[in-house]
Amino acid sequence: MNWYCYLLRCADDTLYCGISNDLEKRLITHNAGEGAKYTRGRTPVTLLYHECCADKSAALKRELQIKRLSRIQKLALCDNLLADD
């Protein structure tokens, strides 16, 4: 089972980082207002970035690393992903 660490842009232009083992389902849940408490009042959300992690533990560690980044660093992470395409 793959785990993902992801970064969302909320409707109020804030960023949210989370983890999931079913990214598509999690995005639907967030946009239905049933996801994390933080995103409930900030829908719709859009996926900016995601990365595959080896397991839940690795995803949690990566989530913590990303949450410690500044907003500018988080956006740069997304920009680097787009530049690699």
C-alpha atoms as a PDB file:
ATOM      1  CA  MET A   1       0.000   0.000   0.000  1.00  0.00           C
ATOM      2  CA  ASN A   2       1.380   3.392  -0.999  1.00  0.00           C
ATOM      3  CA  TRP A   3       1.189   6.379   1.302  1.00  0.00           C
ATOM      4  CA  TYR A   4       1.281   9.945   0.055  1.00  0.00           C
ATOM      5  CA  CYS A   5       2.212  13.249   1.566  1.00  0.00           C
ATOM      6  CA  TYR A   6       0.346  16.072  -0.148  1.00  0.00           C
ATOM      7  CA  LEU A   7      -0.025  19.832  -0.182  1.00  0.00           C
ATOM      8  CA  LEU A   8      -3.315  21.589  -0.901  1.00  0.00           C
ATOM      9  CA  ARG A   9      -4.204  25.170  -1.718  1.00  0.00           C
ATOM     10  CA  CYS A  10      -7.411  26.155   0.052  1.00  0.00           C
ATOM     11  CA  ALA A  11     -10.009  28.597  -1.287  1.00  0.00           C
ATOM     12  CA  ASP A  12      -8.646  31.318   1.035  1.00  0.00           C
ATOM     13  CA  ASP A  13      -5.167  30.793  -0.509  1.00  0.00           C
ATOM     14  CA  THR A  14      -3.749  29.096   2.578  1.00  0.00           C
ATOM     15  CA  LEU A  15      -1.810  25.842   2.321  1.00  0.00           C
ATOM     16  CA  TYR A  16      -2.590  22.529   4.003  1.00  0.00           C
ATOM     17  CA  CYS A  17      -0.292  19.503   4.259  1.00  0.00           C
ATOM     18  CA  GLY A  18      -1.532  15.996   5.011  1.00  0.00           C
ATOM     19  CA  ILE A  19      -1.059  12.299   4.338  1.00  0.00           C
ATOM     20  CA  SER A  20      -3.259   9.585   2.863  1.00  0.00           C
ATOM     21  CA  ASN A  21      -3.121   6.092   1.436  1.00  0.00           C
ATOM     22  CA  ASP A  22      -5.890   6.994  -1.071  1.00  0.00           C
ATOM     23  CA  LEU A  23      -5.164  10.462  -2.396  1.00  0.00           C
ATOM     24  CA  GLU A  24      -8.098  10.706  -4.803  1.00  0.00           C
ATOM     25  CA  LYS A  25     -10.610   9.719  -2.117  1.00  0.00           C
ATOM     26  CA  ARG A  26      -9.006  12.100   0.378  1.00  0.00           C
ATOM     27  CA  LEU A  27      -9.343  15.053  -2.022  1.00  0.00           C
ATOM     28  CA  ILE A  28     -13.020  14.249  -2.513  1.00  0.00           C
ATOM     29  CA  THR A  29     -13.435  14.104   1.263  1.00  0.00           C
ATOM     30  CA  HIS A  30     -11.717  17.468   1.736  1.00  0.00           C
ATOM     31  CA  ASN A  31     -13.869  19.118  -0.935  1.00  0.00           C
ATOM     32  CA  ALA A  32     -17.032  17.639   0.564  1.00  0.00           C
ATOM     33  CA  GLY A  33     -16.215  19.495   3.789  1.00  0.00           C
ATOM     34  CA  GLU A  34     -15.618  16.232   5.616  1.00  0.00           C
ATOM     35  CA  GLY A  35     -11.840  16.218   5.651  1.00  0.00           C
ATOM     36  CA  ALA A  36      -9.528  17.816   8.150  1.00  0.00           C
ATOM     37  CA  LYS A  37     -11.025  20.413  10.448  1.00  0.00           C
ATOM     38  CA  TYR A  38      -8.716  23.041   8.926  1.00  0.00           C
ATOM     39  CA  THR A  39     -10.028  22.556   5.380  1.00  0.00           C
ATOM     40  CA  ARG A  40     -13.734  22.234   6.218  1.00  0.00           C
ATOM     41  CA  GLY A  41     -14.429  25.951   5.909  1.00  0.00           C
ATOM     42  CA  ARG A  42     -11.873  26.542   3.195  1.00  0.00           C
ATOM     43  CA  THR A  43     -13.249  24.580   0.252  1.00  0.00           C
ATOM     44  CA  PRO A  44     -12.738  24.055  -2.556  1.00  0.00           C
ATOM     45  CA  VAL A  45      -9.187  22.829  -2.214  1.00  0.00           C
ATOM     46  CA  THR A  46      -6.811  21.995  -5.056  1.00  0.00           C
ATOM     47  CA  LEU A  47      -3.893  19.608  -5.029  1.00  0.00           C
ATOM     48  CA  LEU A  48      -0.591  21.442  -5.502  1.00  0.00           C
ATOM     49  CA  TYR A  49       1.909  18.722  -4.710  1.00  0.00           C
ATOM     50  CA  HIS A  50       2.165  15.095  -3.681  1.00  0.00           C
ATOM     51  CA  GLU A  51       4.891  12.553  -3.211  1.00  0.00           C
ATOM     52  CA  CYS A  52       4.829   8.834  -2.658  1.00  0.00           C
ATOM     53  CA  CYS A  53       6.241   7.531   0.623  1.00  0.00           C
ATOM     54  CA  ALA A  54       7.341   4.015   1.520  1.00  0.00           C
ATOM     55  CA  ASP A  55       4.907   3.636   4.433  1.00  0.00           C
ATOM     56  CA  LYS A  56       2.768   5.579   6.886  1.00  0.00           C
ATOM     57  CA  SER A  57       5.713   6.340   9.135  1.00  0.00           C
ATOM     58  CA  ALA A  58       7.693   7.841   6.250  1.00  0.00           C
ATOM     59  CA  ALA A  59       4.646   9.866   5.173  1.00  0.00           C
ATOM     60  CA  LEU A  60       4.209  11.268   8.688  1.00  0.00           C
ATOM     61  CA  LYS A  61       7.892  12.222   8.852  1.00  0.00           C
ATOM     62  CA  ARG A  62       7.709  13.942   5.472  1.00  0.00           C
ATOM     63  CA  GLU A  63       4.518  15.751   6.484  1.00  0.00           C
ATOM     64  CA  LEU A  64       6.302  17.138   9.542  1.00  0.00           C
ATOM     65  CA  GLN A  65       9.240  18.263   7.399  1.00  0.00           C
ATOM     66  CA  ILE A  66       6.939  20.065   4.969  1.00  0.00           C
ATOM     67  CA  LYS A  67       4.889  21.665   7.750  1.00  0.00           C
ATOM     68  CA  ARG A  68       8.098  23.172   9.129  1.00  0.00           C
ATOM     69  CA  LEU A  69       8.805  24.935   5.828  1.00  0.00           C
ATOM     70  CA  SER A  70       7.795  28.522   5.242  1.00  0.00           C
ATOM     71  CA  ARG A  71       5.015  29.286   2.774  1.00  0.00           C
ATOM     72  CA  ILE A  72       7.605  30.415   0.229  1.00  0.00           C
ATOM     73  CA  GLN A  73       9.544  27.161   0.638  1.00  0.00           C
ATOM     74  CA  LYS A  74       6.356  25.106   0.256  1.00  0.00           C
ATOM     75  CA  LEU A  75       5.467  26.922  -2.961  1.00  0.00           C
ATOM     76  CA  ALA A  76       9.036  26.467  -4.214  1.00  0.00           C
ATOM     77  CA  LEU A  77       8.671  22.728  -3.571  1.00  0.00           C
ATOM     78  CA  CYS A  78       5.614  22.764  -5.858  1.00  0.00           C
ATOM     79  CA  ASP A  79       7.407  24.866  -8.471  1.00  0.00           C
ATOM     80  CA  ASN A  80      10.349  22.436  -8.493  1.00  0.00           C
ATOM     81  CA  LEU A  81       7.926  19.592  -9.186  1.00  0.00           C
ATOM     82  CA  LEU A  82       6.487  21.458 -12.154  1.00  0.00           C
ATOM     83  CA  ALA A  83       9.968  22.325 -13.434  1.00  0.00           C
ATOM     84  CA  ASP A  84      10.903  18.627 -13.438  1.00  0.00           C
ATOM     85  CA  ASP A  85       8.022  17.728 -15.791  1.00  0.00           C
END
